[in-house]
């Protein structure tokens, strides 16, 4: 299955689990052996392979053991700052995203009644 934004979180986790299972079987490793090599519990590996939610650190350990950690560069590419932006920033690294200023809504201003 090709993953995209239209799939639910559950479907993506299930597909990731299926892929990890197939990779493990292709390497001719048991669940217990892979879990031991990755430094996670056997139950955690079972949860991953069944598409259940686990800690990110457990998934990273499995990816490292399966020699797939380099694929994270494709998943989350490093941002490249243009030379013009580098000159503008001059050593400053962005800390937050910019947004438009919110203008206060003009509401009826209260008056005493004797004012025009």
N, C-alpha and C. Protein backbone atom coordinates (compact mmCIF):
# COMPACT_ATOMS: atom_id res chain seq x y z
N UNK A 1 0.85 -1.18 0.00
CA UNK A 1 0.00 0.00 0.00
C UNK A 1 0.89 1.24 0.00
N UNK A 2 0.54 2.20 -0.81
CA UNK A 2 1.26 3.47 -0.85
C UNK A 2 0.61 4.39 0.18
N UNK A 3 1.43 4.95 1.06
CA UNK A 3 0.93 5.80 2.13
C UNK A 3 0.82 7.25 1.67
N UNK A 4 -0.26 7.90 2.07
CA UNK A 4 -0.43 9.32 1.79
C UNK A 4 -1.26 9.95 2.90
N UNK A 5 -1.55 11.22 2.76
CA UNK A 5 -2.27 11.96 3.80
C UNK A 5 -3.72 11.54 3.97
N UNK A 6 -4.25 10.77 3.03
CA UNK A 6 -5.65 10.38 3.10
C UNK A 6 -5.87 9.17 4.01
N UNK A 7 -4.79 8.48 4.39
CA UNK A 7 -4.92 7.31 5.26
C UNK A 7 -5.03 7.76 6.72
N UNK A 8 -5.75 7.00 7.49
CA UNK A 8 -5.88 7.29 8.92
C UNK A 8 -4.59 6.92 9.64
N UNK A 9 -4.42 7.44 10.85
CA UNK A 9 -3.25 7.09 11.65
C UNK A 9 -3.18 5.59 11.87
N UNK A 10 -4.32 4.98 12.14
CA UNK A 10 -4.37 3.54 12.39
C UNK A 10 -3.92 2.75 11.17
N UNK A 11 -4.36 3.16 9.99
CA UNK A 11 -3.98 2.46 8.76
C UNK A 11 -2.48 2.59 8.50
N UNK A 12 -1.92 3.76 8.77
CA UNK A 12 -0.49 3.97 8.57
C UNK A 12 0.32 3.13 9.56
N UNK A 13 -0.10 3.11 10.83
CA UNK A 13 0.59 2.29 11.82
C UNK A 13 0.53 0.81 11.44
N UNK A 14 -0.61 0.36 10.96
CA UNK A 14 -0.77 -1.04 10.55
C UNK A 14 0.16 -1.36 9.39
N UNK A 15 0.24 -0.47 8.41
CA UNK A 15 1.12 -0.70 7.25
C UNK A 15 2.58 -0.69 7.67
N UNK A 16 2.96 0.23 8.56
CA UNK A 16 4.34 0.24 9.06
C UNK A 16 4.65 -1.06 9.77
N UNK A 17 3.71 -1.55 10.57
CA UNK A 17 3.90 -2.82 11.26
C UNK A 17 4.08 -3.98 10.30
N UNK A 18 3.26 -4.00 9.24
CA UNK A 18 3.38 -5.05 8.22
C UNK A 18 4.75 -5.00 7.54
N UNK A 19 5.21 -3.80 7.23
CA UNK A 19 6.51 -3.66 6.57
C UNK A 19 7.65 -4.10 7.48
N UNK A 20 7.57 -3.75 8.75
CA UNK A 20 8.61 -4.16 9.70
C UNK A 20 8.59 -5.68 9.85
N UNK A 21 7.41 -6.28 9.89
CA UNK A 21 7.31 -7.74 9.97
C UNK A 21 7.98 -8.38 8.77
N UNK A 22 7.69 -7.88 7.57
CA UNK A 22 8.27 -8.46 6.36
C UNK A 22 9.79 -8.30 6.34
N UNK A 23 10.28 -7.14 6.76
CA UNK A 23 11.74 -6.94 6.82
C UNK A 23 12.38 -7.90 7.81
N UNK A 24 11.74 -8.08 8.95
CA UNK A 24 12.27 -9.01 9.95
C UNK A 24 12.32 -10.42 9.41
N UNK A 25 11.25 -10.86 8.74
CA UNK A 25 11.21 -12.20 8.17
C UNK A 25 12.23 -12.36 7.05
N UNK A 26 12.41 -11.32 6.23
CA UNK A 26 13.42 -11.38 5.17
C UNK A 26 14.83 -11.51 5.73
N UNK A 27 15.05 -10.97 6.93
CA UNK A 27 16.35 -11.10 7.59
C UNK A 27 16.44 -12.41 8.38
N UNK A 28 15.35 -13.20 8.34
CA UNK A 28 15.29 -14.50 9.02
C UNK A 28 15.54 -14.36 10.52
N UNK A 29 14.88 -13.37 11.13
CA UNK A 29 15.01 -13.14 12.57
C UNK A 29 13.66 -13.35 13.24
N UNK A 30 13.70 -13.92 14.41
CA UNK A 30 12.47 -14.08 15.19
C UNK A 30 12.14 -12.76 15.87
N UNK A 31 10.91 -12.65 16.34
CA UNK A 31 10.52 -11.45 17.07
C UNK A 31 11.38 -11.27 18.31
N UNK A 32 11.61 -12.36 19.01
CA UNK A 32 12.38 -12.30 20.24
C UNK A 32 13.81 -11.82 19.98
N UNK A 33 14.44 -12.34 18.92
CA UNK A 33 15.81 -11.95 18.60
C UNK A 33 15.88 -10.47 18.21
N UNK A 34 14.96 -10.02 17.35
CA UNK A 34 14.97 -8.61 16.93
C UNK A 34 14.73 -7.69 18.12
N UNK A 35 13.80 -8.06 18.99
CA UNK A 35 13.53 -7.25 20.17
C UNK A 35 14.77 -7.15 21.06
N UNK A 36 15.46 -8.27 21.25
CA UNK A 36 16.68 -8.26 22.07
C UNK A 36 17.76 -7.40 21.44
N UNK A 37 17.95 -7.52 20.13
CA UNK A 37 18.96 -6.72 19.43
C UNK A 37 18.64 -5.23 19.51
N UNK A 38 17.36 -4.89 19.47
CA UNK A 38 16.94 -3.49 19.50
C UNK A 38 16.91 -2.93 20.92
N UNK A 39 16.92 -3.80 21.90
CA UNK A 39 16.87 -3.34 23.29
C UNK A 39 15.48 -2.94 23.74
N UNK A 40 14.47 -3.58 23.15
CA UNK A 40 13.09 -3.32 23.55
C UNK A 40 12.47 -4.63 24.01
N UNK A 41 11.31 -4.56 24.62
CA UNK A 41 10.66 -5.79 25.07
C UNK A 41 10.01 -6.50 23.89
N UNK A 42 9.85 -7.80 24.05
CA UNK A 42 9.19 -8.61 23.03
C UNK A 42 7.77 -8.09 22.79
N UNK A 43 7.09 -7.72 23.86
CA UNK A 43 5.72 -7.20 23.76
C UNK A 43 5.67 -5.90 22.95
N UNK A 44 6.67 -5.05 23.11
CA UNK A 44 6.71 -3.79 22.34
C UNK A 44 6.84 -4.08 20.85
N UNK A 45 7.68 -5.05 20.49
CA UNK A 45 7.81 -5.41 19.07
C UNK A 45 6.50 -5.97 18.53
N UNK A 46 5.83 -6.77 19.33
CA UNK A 46 4.52 -7.31 18.90
C UNK A 46 3.55 -6.16 18.66
N UNK A 47 3.55 -5.16 19.55
CA UNK A 47 2.67 -3.99 19.38
C UNK A 47 3.00 -3.25 18.09
N UNK A 48 4.30 -3.07 17.80
CA UNK A 48 4.72 -2.38 16.57
C UNK A 48 4.22 -3.16 15.36
N UNK A 49 4.46 -4.46 15.34
CA UNK A 49 4.09 -5.28 14.18
C UNK A 49 2.58 -5.38 13.99
N UNK A 50 1.82 -5.20 15.06
CA UNK A 50 0.36 -5.22 14.94
C UNK A 50 -0.23 -3.82 14.68
N UNK A 51 0.64 -2.83 14.51
CA UNK A 51 0.17 -1.49 14.17
C UNK A 51 -0.38 -0.71 15.34
N UNK A 52 0.05 -1.05 16.54
CA UNK A 52 -0.40 -0.32 17.71
C UNK A 52 0.60 0.79 18.03
N UNK A 53 0.15 1.76 18.77
CA UNK A 53 0.97 2.92 19.09
C UNK A 53 2.06 2.55 20.10
N UNK A 54 3.27 3.03 19.85
CA UNK A 54 4.41 2.81 20.75
C UNK A 54 5.20 4.11 20.86
N UNK A 55 6.15 4.13 21.76
CA UNK A 55 7.01 5.31 21.90
C UNK A 55 7.90 5.45 20.67
N UNK A 56 8.18 6.69 20.31
CA UNK A 56 9.04 6.95 19.15
C UNK A 56 10.42 6.34 19.34
N UNK A 57 10.94 6.36 20.57
CA UNK A 57 12.27 5.81 20.81
C UNK A 57 12.32 4.30 20.52
N UNK A 58 11.23 3.59 20.77
CA UNK A 58 11.18 2.16 20.46
C UNK A 58 11.21 1.94 18.95
N UNK A 59 10.48 2.75 18.22
CA UNK A 59 10.47 2.64 16.77
C UNK A 59 11.85 2.97 16.20
N UNK A 60 12.51 3.97 16.75
CA UNK A 60 13.85 4.34 16.29
C UNK A 60 14.83 3.19 16.54
N UNK A 61 14.71 2.52 17.67
CA UNK A 61 15.59 1.38 17.96
C UNK A 61 15.38 0.26 16.95
N UNK A 62 14.13 0.00 16.59
CA UNK A 62 13.85 -1.03 15.59
C UNK A 62 14.43 -0.62 14.24
N UNK A 63 14.21 0.63 13.83
CA UNK A 63 14.75 1.10 12.56
C UNK A 63 16.27 1.00 12.52
N UNK A 64 16.91 1.32 13.63
CA UNK A 64 18.37 1.23 13.71
C UNK A 64 18.82 -0.23 13.56
N UNK A 65 18.15 -1.13 14.24
CA UNK A 65 18.50 -2.55 14.19
C UNK A 65 18.27 -3.12 12.79
N UNK A 66 17.23 -2.66 12.10
CA UNK A 66 16.96 -3.11 10.74
C UNK A 66 17.79 -2.34 9.71
N UNK A 67 18.68 -1.48 10.18
CA UNK A 67 19.56 -0.66 9.34
C UNK A 67 18.75 0.25 8.40
N UNK A 68 17.70 0.84 8.95
CA UNK A 68 16.84 1.74 8.18
C UNK A 68 16.86 3.17 8.71
N UNK A 69 17.72 3.45 9.67
CA UNK A 69 17.71 4.77 10.31
C UNK A 69 18.01 5.89 9.30
N UNK A 70 18.81 5.58 8.28
CA UNK A 70 19.12 6.57 7.25
C UNK A 70 17.91 7.01 6.45
N UNK A 71 16.86 6.19 6.45
CA UNK A 71 15.65 6.54 5.71
C UNK A 71 14.89 7.68 6.37
N UNK A 72 15.23 8.02 7.60
CA UNK A 72 14.57 9.14 8.26
C UNK A 72 14.90 10.46 7.56
N UNK A 73 16.04 10.51 6.85
CA UNK A 73 16.36 11.71 6.08
C UNK A 73 15.34 11.95 4.97
N UNK A 74 14.81 10.88 4.41
CA UNK A 74 13.76 11.02 3.39
C UNK A 74 12.43 11.40 4.04
N UNK A 75 12.20 10.85 5.22
CA UNK A 75 10.95 11.11 5.93
C UNK A 75 10.85 12.56 6.39
N UNK A 76 11.93 13.04 7.00
CA UNK A 76 11.97 14.41 7.51
C UNK A 76 13.26 15.06 7.00
N UNK A 77 13.21 15.66 5.81
CA UNK A 77 14.44 16.23 5.25
C UNK A 77 14.94 17.43 6.05
N UNK A 78 16.25 17.58 6.04
CA UNK A 78 16.88 18.72 6.71
C UNK A 78 16.52 19.99 5.96
N UNK A 79 16.18 21.04 6.68
CA UNK A 79 15.82 22.29 6.02
C UNK A 79 17.07 23.00 5.51
N UNK A 80 16.94 23.59 4.34
CA UNK A 80 18.05 24.31 3.73
C UNK A 80 17.66 25.78 3.67
N UNK A 81 18.50 26.62 4.24
CA UNK A 81 18.25 28.06 4.27
C UNK A 81 18.98 28.68 3.08
N UNK A 82 18.27 29.54 2.35
CA UNK A 82 18.88 30.19 1.19
C UNK A 82 19.95 31.18 1.65
N UNK A 83 20.93 31.49 0.80
CA UNK A 83 21.97 32.45 1.16
C UNK A 83 21.42 33.82 1.54
N UNK A 84 20.35 34.25 0.89
CA UNK A 84 19.75 35.54 1.20
C UNK A 84 19.17 35.51 2.61
N UNK A 85 18.50 34.42 2.96
CA UNK A 85 17.96 34.30 4.31
C UNK A 85 19.07 34.24 5.34
N UNK A 86 20.19 33.59 5.01
CA UNK A 86 21.32 33.52 5.93
C UNK A 86 21.86 34.91 6.22
N UNK A 87 21.95 35.75 5.19
CA UNK A 87 22.44 37.12 5.39
C UNK A 87 21.48 37.92 6.26
N UNK A 88 20.19 37.75 6.04
CA UNK A 88 19.20 38.47 6.83
C UNK A 88 19.25 38.04 8.30
N UNK A 89 19.44 36.76 8.51
CA UNK A 89 19.41 36.24 9.87
C UNK A 89 20.72 36.53 10.61
N UNK A 90 21.83 36.55 9.91
CA UNK A 90 23.15 36.83 10.48
C UNK A 90 23.36 36.13 11.81
N UNK A 91 23.31 34.81 11.77
CA UNK A 91 23.58 34.02 12.96
C UNK A 91 22.38 33.75 13.83
N UNK A 92 21.26 34.39 13.53
CA UNK A 92 20.05 34.16 14.31
C UNK A 92 19.30 32.96 13.72
N UNK A 93 18.91 32.05 14.56
CA UNK A 93 18.13 30.91 14.10
C UNK A 93 16.67 31.15 14.46
N UNK A 94 15.78 30.82 13.52
CA UNK A 94 14.35 31.03 13.76
C UNK A 94 13.89 30.21 14.94
N UNK A 95 13.11 30.83 15.80
CA UNK A 95 12.59 30.17 16.98
C UNK A 95 11.09 29.88 16.85
N UNK A 96 10.40 30.68 16.04
CA UNK A 96 8.96 30.49 15.89
C UNK A 96 8.52 30.98 14.52
N UNK A 97 7.36 30.56 14.11
CA UNK A 97 6.80 30.96 12.82
C UNK A 97 6.17 32.34 12.94
N UNK A 98 6.21 33.07 11.85
CA UNK A 98 5.60 34.40 11.85
C UNK A 98 4.12 34.26 11.53
N UNK A 99 3.35 35.23 11.97
CA UNK A 99 1.92 35.24 11.68
C UNK A 99 1.47 36.67 11.49
N UNK A 100 0.31 36.81 10.93
CA UNK A 100 -0.25 38.15 10.73
C UNK A 100 -0.69 38.71 12.07
N UNK A 101 -0.56 40.02 12.19
CA UNK A 101 -1.03 40.69 13.41
C UNK A 101 -2.55 40.64 13.43
N UNK A 102 -3.10 40.36 14.56
CA UNK A 102 -4.55 40.29 14.70
C UNK A 102 -5.06 41.67 15.09
N UNK A 103 -5.91 42.22 14.24
CA UNK A 103 -6.47 43.54 14.51
C UNK A 103 -7.68 43.37 15.41
N UNK A 104 -7.78 44.22 16.43
CA UNK A 104 -8.96 44.11 17.31
C UNK A 104 -10.22 44.49 16.55
N UNK A 105 -11.29 43.80 16.86
CA UNK A 105 -12.56 44.09 16.20
C UNK A 105 -13.10 45.41 16.72
N UNK A 106 -13.62 46.22 15.79
CA UNK A 106 -14.23 47.48 16.18
C UNK A 106 -15.65 47.19 16.63
N UNK A 107 -15.88 47.43 17.88
CA UNK A 107 -17.21 47.20 18.43
C UNK A 107 -17.83 48.56 18.75
N UNK A 108 -19.09 48.53 19.05
CA UNK A 108 -19.76 49.77 19.44
C UNK A 108 -19.11 50.28 20.72
N UNK A 109 -18.66 51.51 20.67
CA UNK A 109 -18.01 52.11 21.83
C UNK A 109 -19.09 52.65 22.74
N UNK A 110 -18.98 52.33 24.00
CA UNK A 110 -19.97 52.76 24.97
C UNK A 110 -19.81 54.25 25.24
N UNK A 111 -20.91 54.95 25.35
CA UNK A 111 -20.87 56.37 25.68
C UNK A 111 -21.96 56.66 26.70
N UNK A 112 -21.84 57.81 27.34
CA UNK A 112 -22.78 58.20 28.39
C UNK A 112 -24.16 58.55 27.85
N UNK A 113 -24.27 58.84 26.62
CA UNK A 113 -25.56 59.20 26.05
C UNK A 113 -25.66 60.68 25.74
N UNK A 114 -24.91 61.53 26.46
CA UNK A 114 -24.96 62.96 26.17
C UNK A 114 -23.88 63.34 25.16
N UNK A 115 -23.12 62.34 24.72
CA UNK A 115 -22.08 62.59 23.72
C UNK A 115 -22.65 62.30 22.34
N UNK A 116 -22.11 62.97 21.34
CA UNK A 116 -22.60 62.76 19.98
C UNK A 116 -21.75 61.78 19.26
